[in-house]
Protein backbone atom coordinates (compact mmCIF):
# COMPACT_ATOMS: atom_id res chain seq x y z
CA MET A 1 61.89 -38.67 -60.76
CA ALA A 2 63.39 -35.70 -62.58
CA LYS A 3 64.21 -37.98 -65.53
CA LEU A 4 60.63 -39.31 -65.57
CA PHE A 5 59.24 -35.78 -65.63
CA GLU A 6 61.68 -34.66 -68.30
CA ASP A 7 60.75 -37.61 -70.54
CA LEU A 8 57.05 -36.85 -70.15
CA PHE A 9 57.27 -33.09 -70.62
CA GLU A 10 58.89 -33.59 -73.99
CA TYR A 11 55.43 -34.61 -75.21
CA TYR A 12 53.63 -31.52 -73.90
CA ASP A 13 55.07 -29.40 -76.71
CA TYR A 14 52.69 -29.15 -79.66
CA VAL A 15 55.51 -28.16 -81.99
CA SER A 16 57.90 -30.97 -81.02
CA ALA A 17 58.66 -33.29 -83.91
CA PRO A 18 56.90 -36.40 -82.52
CA ILE A 19 53.74 -34.54 -81.47
CA GLY A 20 53.63 -32.16 -84.44
CA ASN A 21 54.04 -35.02 -86.91
CA ALA A 22 51.39 -37.10 -85.18
CA ILE A 23 48.88 -34.24 -85.17
CA GLN A 24 49.62 -33.35 -88.77
CA ARG A 25 49.15 -36.98 -89.82
CA GLY A 26 46.05 -37.59 -87.70
CA GLY A 27 44.30 -34.27 -88.31
CA LYS A 28 41.46 -33.10 -86.09
CA ASP A 29 41.05 -36.51 -84.42
CA ALA A 30 44.70 -36.51 -83.38
CA GLU A 31 44.49 -32.91 -82.19
CA ASN A 32 41.45 -33.74 -80.04
CA GLU A 33 43.18 -36.83 -78.66
CA PHE A 34 46.29 -34.79 -77.84
CA CYS A 35 44.18 -32.18 -76.00
CA THR A 36 42.52 -34.96 -74.02
CA LEU A 37 45.93 -36.31 -73.00
CA LEU A 38 47.07 -32.84 -71.98
CA GLU A 39 43.99 -32.39 -69.84
CA ARG A 40 44.35 -35.84 -68.30
CA TYR A 41 47.96 -35.23 -67.29
CA ASN A 42 47.53 -31.53 -66.50
CA GLU A 43 48.05 -32.00 -62.78
CA ILE A 44 51.54 -33.34 -63.31
CA ALA A 45 52.40 -30.28 -65.40
CA LYS A 46 52.47 -28.32 -62.15
CA VAL A 47 55.92 -29.75 -61.45
CA ASN A 48 57.17 -29.09 -64.98
CA PRO A 49 60.37 -27.08 -64.55
CA TRP A 50 59.92 -25.56 -68.03
CA SER A 51 56.47 -24.17 -67.38
CA GLN A 52 56.37 -20.49 -66.56
CA LEU A 53 52.56 -20.44 -66.54
CA VAL A 54 51.92 -22.36 -63.34
CA ASN A 55 52.52 -21.29 -59.79
CA ARG A 56 54.31 -24.35 -58.48
CA THR A 57 55.62 -25.20 -55.06
CA PHE A 58 57.08 -28.65 -54.84
CA PRO A 59 56.92 -30.40 -52.56
CA PRO A 60 53.54 -28.96 -51.65
CA SER A 61 52.06 -28.34 -48.24
CA LEU A 62 50.22 -31.24 -46.63
CA PRO A 63 47.49 -32.31 -46.84
CA TYR A 64 47.76 -32.09 -50.63
CA SER A 65 44.94 -32.71 -53.10
CA VAL A 66 45.16 -33.48 -56.81
CA GLN A 67 42.50 -33.53 -59.48
CA GLN A 68 42.70 -36.56 -61.71
CA ILE A 69 40.93 -37.84 -64.80
CA ASP A 70 40.82 -41.54 -65.53
CA GLN A 71 40.77 -43.20 -68.97
CA THR A 72 36.99 -42.90 -69.17
CA GLY A 73 37.09 -39.16 -68.49
CA GLN A 74 35.79 -39.54 -64.94
CA ARG A 75 37.13 -36.82 -62.63
CA SER A 76 38.06 -37.33 -59.02
CA THR A 77 40.08 -35.76 -56.25
CA GLU A 78 42.70 -37.57 -54.23
CA THR A 79 44.12 -36.11 -51.03
CA PHE A 80 47.46 -37.13 -49.58
CA GLN A 81 48.55 -36.84 -45.98
CA ASP A 82 52.24 -37.70 -46.45
CA TYR A 83 55.00 -36.94 -48.95
CA ASN A 84 55.64 -40.57 -49.86
CA SER A 85 52.11 -40.82 -51.20
CA VAL A 86 52.47 -37.55 -53.12
CA PHE A 87 55.72 -38.65 -54.76
CA ASP A 88 54.32 -42.13 -55.51
CA TRP A 89 51.30 -40.58 -57.21
CA TYR A 90 53.43 -38.24 -59.32
CA GLU A 91 55.73 -41.10 -60.29
CA ARG A 92 52.78 -43.27 -61.37
CA GLN A 93 51.28 -40.37 -63.32
CA ALA A 94 54.59 -39.61 -65.05
CA ARG A 95 55.07 -43.25 -66.07
CA GLU A 96 51.46 -43.64 -67.19
CA GLY A 97 51.52 -40.34 -69.06
CA HIS A 98 54.73 -41.22 -70.85
CA VAL A 99 53.22 -44.52 -72.04
CA ALA A 100 50.05 -42.73 -73.19
CA PHE A 101 51.93 -40.05 -75.17
CA VAL A 102 54.28 -42.59 -76.76
CA ALA A 103 51.23 -44.65 -77.79
CA PHE A 104 49.65 -41.50 -79.26
CA VAL A 105 52.75 -40.75 -81.32
CA GLU A 106 53.01 -44.37 -82.40
CA LYS A 107 49.36 -44.38 -83.49
CA TYR A 108 49.74 -41.41 -85.83
CA ARG A 109 53.40 -41.54 -86.83
CA THR A 110 54.33 -41.26 -90.48
CA GLY A 111 57.82 -42.71 -90.38
CA PRO A 112 60.43 -44.09 -88.01
CA LEU A 113 59.83 -43.10 -84.42
CA GLU A 114 62.63 -40.87 -83.16
CA LEU A 115 62.32 -39.92 -79.52
């Protein structure tokens, strides 16, 4: 899972080459889309080892609740009673988020994709 998180967190950085190039190429629309992705995958950022801004305890105490936003922008809360479910949710989110950020970069890229 650490590798999944590391691959995803690479896209959280506005000044990284893939994200910066995509936003520069796509302008305000790309910037808005990037912010939407960040908000959608914000919950997973709580386990980001690079983030100094979040108070993180992982694994969390049970029961554990997460806020999530689906592709339509609908918000919901999911509560887990066991660690397997927590880890499964984070793994799904990391995989889904990685696909979404790669698609974002691909959509706005200006040259060969270097990840």
